Amino acid sequence: MKDVLTSPAVSDFLTNMVAGDLNLVTGLLWLVLATALSMIGGAIGGMILAGKDIGYAFSAMLGALFAPAGAVPAILLGLAILTLLQNY
């Protein structure tokens, strides 16, 4: 594990993440993390809204399925705006 964390590629990646630099790899990581969080939030929201009516498992599955449909375009738009603002 020590060799992985001290390798130059991982060190550069972590430096870019901490500094807030947006490149292809950091953008994809932020997209994956935000999508996972939106799926968790959608599942919780689906369970709260429709858990008693259609069952907690089914409502969590539907919430996790449809939450990224609204979140991913907003995430991509936000990353694009941040990339454009970074140039000024």
N, C-alpha and C. Protein backbone atom coordinates (compact mmCIF):
# COMPACT_ATOMS: atom_id res chain seq x y z
N MET A 1 0.82 -1.18 0.00
CA MET A 1 0.00 0.00 0.00
C MET A 1 0.87 1.25 0.00
N LYS A 2 1.99 1.17 0.69
CA LYS A 2 2.87 2.32 0.75
C LYS A 2 3.44 2.65 -0.64
N ASP A 3 3.73 1.61 -1.42
CA ASP A 3 4.26 1.83 -2.76
C ASP A 3 3.23 2.48 -3.67
N VAL A 4 1.96 2.14 -3.49
CA VAL A 4 0.92 2.73 -4.33
C VAL A 4 0.77 4.21 -4.03
N LEU A 5 0.76 4.56 -2.75
CA LEU A 5 0.56 5.96 -2.37
C LEU A 5 1.76 6.83 -2.68
N THR A 6 2.94 6.25 -2.78
CA THR A 6 4.13 7.05 -3.05
C THR A 6 4.52 7.06 -4.52
N SER A 7 3.77 6.40 -5.37
CA SER A 7 4.10 6.41 -6.80
C SER A 7 3.83 7.81 -7.37
N PRO A 8 4.59 8.22 -8.37
CA PRO A 8 4.43 9.57 -8.93
C PRO A 8 3.05 9.81 -9.55
N ALA A 9 2.47 8.80 -10.18
CA ALA A 9 1.16 8.99 -10.82
C ALA A 9 0.07 9.25 -9.78
N VAL A 10 0.07 8.48 -8.71
CA VAL A 10 -0.93 8.67 -7.66
C VAL A 10 -0.68 9.97 -6.93
N SER A 11 0.57 10.31 -6.72
CA SER A 11 0.91 11.57 -6.06
C SER A 11 0.44 12.77 -6.88
N ASP A 12 0.65 12.72 -8.19
CA ASP A 12 0.18 13.81 -9.05
C ASP A 12 -1.35 13.89 -9.06
N PHE A 13 -1.99 12.72 -9.10
CA PHE A 13 -3.46 12.70 -9.09
C PHE A 13 -4.02 13.30 -7.81
N LEU A 14 -3.48 12.91 -6.67
CA LEU A 14 -3.95 13.45 -5.39
C LEU A 14 -3.66 14.94 -5.28
N THR A 15 -2.53 15.38 -5.81
CA THR A 15 -2.22 16.80 -5.80
C THR A 15 -3.22 17.58 -6.64
N ASN A 16 -3.59 17.05 -7.82
CA ASN A 16 -4.58 17.70 -8.66
C ASN A 16 -5.94 17.75 -7.98
N MET A 17 -6.31 16.69 -7.27
CA MET A 17 -7.60 16.67 -6.59
C MET A 17 -7.65 17.69 -5.46
N VAL A 18 -6.58 17.78 -4.69
CA VAL A 18 -6.55 18.71 -3.57
C VAL A 18 -6.48 20.15 -4.06
N ALA A 19 -5.73 20.39 -5.11
CA ALA A 19 -5.57 21.75 -5.63
C ALA A 19 -6.81 22.23 -6.38
N GLY A 20 -7.68 21.32 -6.77
CA GLY A 20 -8.88 21.71 -7.48
C GLY A 20 -8.69 21.82 -8.98
N ASP A 21 -7.60 21.29 -9.50
CA ASP A 21 -7.38 21.31 -10.94
C ASP A 21 -8.35 20.34 -11.61
N LEU A 22 -8.98 20.81 -12.68
CA LEU A 22 -9.89 19.95 -13.42
C LEU A 22 -9.24 19.48 -14.70
N ASN A 23 -9.05 18.19 -14.79
CA ASN A 23 -8.62 17.58 -16.05
C ASN A 23 -9.53 16.39 -16.29
N LEU A 24 -9.24 15.60 -17.28
CA LEU A 24 -10.13 14.51 -17.65
C LEU A 24 -10.30 13.49 -16.53
N VAL A 25 -9.22 13.13 -15.87
CA VAL A 25 -9.28 12.10 -14.84
C VAL A 25 -10.01 12.61 -13.60
N THR A 26 -9.69 13.81 -13.16
CA THR A 26 -10.37 14.34 -11.97
C THR A 26 -11.83 14.61 -12.25
N GLY A 27 -12.15 15.06 -13.46
CA GLY A 27 -13.55 15.28 -13.83
C GLY A 27 -14.35 13.99 -13.82
N LEU A 28 -13.75 12.92 -14.34
CA LEU A 28 -14.44 11.62 -14.33
C LEU A 28 -14.62 11.10 -12.90
N LEU A 29 -13.62 11.32 -12.06
CA LEU A 29 -13.77 10.88 -10.67
C LEU A 29 -14.88 11.65 -9.97
N TRP A 30 -14.92 12.97 -10.17
CA TRP A 30 -16.00 13.76 -9.57
C TRP A 30 -17.36 13.34 -10.11
N LEU A 31 -17.43 12.99 -11.39
CA LEU A 31 -18.69 12.53 -11.98
C LEU A 31 -19.14 11.21 -11.34
N VAL A 32 -18.22 10.29 -11.15
CA VAL A 32 -18.56 9.01 -10.54
C VAL A 32 -18.98 9.19 -9.08
N LEU A 33 -18.25 10.01 -8.34
CA LEU A 33 -18.60 10.24 -6.93
C LEU A 33 -19.96 10.92 -6.80
N ALA A 34 -20.22 11.92 -7.63
CA ALA A 34 -21.51 12.61 -7.55
C ALA A 34 -22.66 11.71 -7.99
N THR A 35 -22.43 10.86 -8.97
CA THR A 35 -23.47 9.94 -9.40
C THR A 35 -23.78 8.93 -8.30
N ALA A 36 -22.77 8.43 -7.64
CA ALA A 36 -22.99 7.49 -6.54
C ALA A 36 -23.76 8.15 -5.40
N LEU A 37 -23.40 9.39 -5.07
CA LEU A 37 -24.12 10.09 -4.01
C LEU A 37 -25.56 10.39 -4.41
N SER A 38 -25.80 10.71 -5.68
CA SER A 38 -27.17 10.96 -6.11
C SER A 38 -27.99 9.68 -6.09
N MET A 39 -27.37 8.54 -6.37
CA MET A 39 -28.08 7.27 -6.29
C MET A 39 -28.47 6.95 -4.85
N ILE A 40 -27.57 7.22 -3.94
CA ILE A 40 -27.88 6.98 -2.52
C ILE A 40 -29.00 7.91 -2.06
N GLY A 41 -28.91 9.18 -2.45
CA GLY A 41 -29.96 10.14 -2.09
C GLY A 41 -31.29 9.80 -2.72
N GLY A 42 -31.27 9.35 -3.98
CA GLY A 42 -32.51 8.95 -4.65
C GLY A 42 -33.15 7.75 -4.00
N ALA A 43 -32.33 6.81 -3.57
CA ALA A 43 -32.86 5.62 -2.89
C ALA A 43 -33.51 6.00 -1.56
N ILE A 44 -32.86 6.88 -0.83
CA ILE A 44 -33.43 7.32 0.46
C ILE A 44 -34.72 8.10 0.22
N GLY A 45 -34.68 9.01 -0.78
CA GLY A 45 -35.88 9.77 -1.09
C GLY A 45 -37.03 8.91 -1.57
N GLY A 46 -36.73 7.91 -2.38
CA GLY A 46 -37.78 6.99 -2.83
C GLY A 46 -38.38 6.21 -1.69
N MET A 47 -37.56 5.81 -0.75
CA MET A 47 -38.07 5.07 0.40
C MET A 47 -38.95 5.96 1.27
N ILE A 48 -38.58 7.21 1.41
CA ILE A 48 -39.38 8.13 2.24
C ILE A 48 -40.71 8.44 1.55
N LEU A 49 -40.65 8.69 0.24
CA LEU A 49 -41.86 9.11 -0.47
C LEU A 49 -42.84 7.97 -0.73
N ALA A 50 -42.36 6.84 -1.18
CA ALA A 50 -43.28 5.79 -1.62
C ALA A 50 -43.03 4.44 -0.96
N GLY A 51 -42.33 4.43 0.14
CA GLY A 51 -41.99 3.16 0.78
C GLY A 51 -43.18 2.36 1.23
N LYS A 52 -44.16 3.02 1.83
CA LYS A 52 -45.32 2.30 2.33
C LYS A 52 -46.25 1.86 1.21
N ASP A 53 -46.27 2.61 0.11
CA ASP A 53 -47.21 2.31 -0.97
C ASP A 53 -46.75 1.15 -1.85
N ILE A 54 -45.51 1.17 -2.30
CA ILE A 54 -45.06 0.14 -3.25
C ILE A 54 -43.96 -0.74 -2.68
N GLY A 55 -43.63 -0.57 -1.45
CA GLY A 55 -42.59 -1.39 -0.82
C GLY A 55 -41.27 -0.64 -0.79
N TYR A 56 -40.56 -0.83 0.28
CA TYR A 56 -39.32 -0.08 0.48
C TYR A 56 -38.23 -0.47 -0.51
N ALA A 57 -38.10 -1.74 -0.81
CA ALA A 57 -37.04 -2.17 -1.72
C ALA A 57 -37.30 -1.67 -3.14
N PHE A 58 -38.54 -1.77 -3.60
CA PHE A 58 -38.86 -1.32 -4.96
C PHE A 58 -38.74 0.19 -5.08
N SER A 59 -39.19 0.92 -4.07
CA SER A 59 -39.10 2.38 -4.13
C SER A 59 -37.63 2.84 -4.05
N ALA A 60 -36.80 2.13 -3.31
CA ALA A 60 -35.38 2.47 -3.25
C ALA A 60 -34.71 2.20 -4.60
N MET A 61 -35.11 1.11 -5.25
CA MET A 61 -34.54 0.79 -6.56
C MET A 61 -34.94 1.83 -7.59
N LEU A 62 -36.19 2.23 -7.60
CA LEU A 62 -36.64 3.25 -8.54
C LEU A 62 -36.00 4.60 -8.26
N GLY A 63 -35.86 4.95 -7.00
CA GLY A 63 -35.22 6.22 -6.65
C GLY A 63 -33.76 6.25 -7.06
N ALA A 64 -33.06 5.14 -6.87
CA ALA A 64 -31.65 5.08 -7.27
C ALA A 64 -31.50 5.05 -8.78
N LEU A 65 -32.51 4.55 -9.48
CA LEU A 65 -32.46 4.50 -10.94
C LEU A 65 -32.70 5.87 -11.56
N PHE A 66 -33.68 6.61 -11.03
CA PHE A 66 -34.05 7.87 -11.65
C PHE A 66 -33.31 9.09 -11.12
N ALA A 67 -32.66 9.00 -9.99
CA ALA A 67 -31.95 10.16 -9.44
C ALA A 67 -30.79 10.62 -10.33
N PRO A 68 -29.97 9.72 -10.86
CA PRO A 68 -28.89 10.19 -11.73
C PRO A 68 -29.38 10.79 -13.05
N ALA A 69 -30.61 10.50 -13.45
CA ALA A 69 -31.13 11.08 -14.69
C ALA A 69 -31.21 12.60 -14.60
N GLY A 70 -31.44 13.12 -13.44
CA GLY A 70 -31.45 14.57 -13.25
C GLY A 70 -30.13 15.12 -12.77
N ALA A 71 -29.36 14.30 -12.08
CA ALA A 71 -28.12 14.79 -11.48
C ALA A 71 -26.95 14.81 -12.45
N VAL A 72 -26.83 13.83 -13.31
CA VAL A 72 -25.67 13.74 -14.21
C VAL A 72 -25.60 14.93 -15.18
N PRO A 73 -26.70 15.35 -15.82
CA PRO A 73 -26.59 16.55 -16.67
C PRO A 73 -26.18 17.80 -15.90
N ALA A 74 -26.70 17.94 -14.69
CA ALA A 74 -26.33 19.10 -13.89
C ALA A 74 -24.86 19.04 -13.48
N ILE A 75 -24.36 17.86 -13.19
CA ILE A 75 -22.95 17.69 -12.83
C ILE A 75 -22.06 18.03 -14.01
N LEU A 76 -22.41 17.52 -15.19
CA LEU A 76 -21.61 17.81 -16.38
C LEU A 76 -21.63 19.29 -16.72
N LEU A 77 -22.79 19.92 -16.59
CA LEU A 77 -22.88 21.37 -16.84
C LEU A 77 -22.03 22.15 -15.85
N GLY A 78 -22.08 21.75 -14.59
CA GLY A 78 -21.26 22.42 -13.57
C GLY A 78 -19.77 22.25 -13.82
N LEU A 79 -19.35 21.06 -14.20
CA LEU A 79 -17.93 20.83 -14.50
C LEU A 79 -17.49 21.63 -15.72
N ALA A 80 -18.38 21.73 -16.71
CA ALA A 80 -18.04 22.53 -17.91
C ALA A 80 -17.92 24.01 -17.57
N ILE A 81 -18.81 24.51 -16.74
CA ILE A 81 -18.73 25.92 -16.33
C ILE A 81 -17.47 26.16 -15.51
N LEU A 82 -17.13 25.24 -14.61
CA LEU A 82 -15.91 25.41 -13.82
C LEU A 82 -14.67 25.38 -14.70
N THR A 83 -14.68 24.55 -15.74
CA THR A 83 -13.55 24.49 -16.65
C THR A 83 -13.42 25.79 -17.42
N LEU A 84 -14.55 26.35 -17.87
CA LEU A 84 -14.50 27.62 -18.59
C LEU A 84 -14.07 28.76 -17.68
N LEU A 85 -14.55 28.77 -16.44
CA LEU A 85 -14.16 29.84 -15.52
C LEU A 85 -12.71 29.73 -15.07
N GLN A 86 -12.18 28.54 -15.12
CA GLN A 86 -10.79 28.34 -14.71
C GLN A 86 -9.84 29.00 -15.70
N ASN A 87 -10.27 29.17 -16.96
CA ASN A 87 -9.42 29.78 -17.97
C ASN A 87 -9.34 31.30 -17.83
N TYR A 88 -10.24 31.92 -17.07
CA TYR A 88 -10.24 33.39 -16.94
C TYR A 88 -9.62 33.84 -15.66
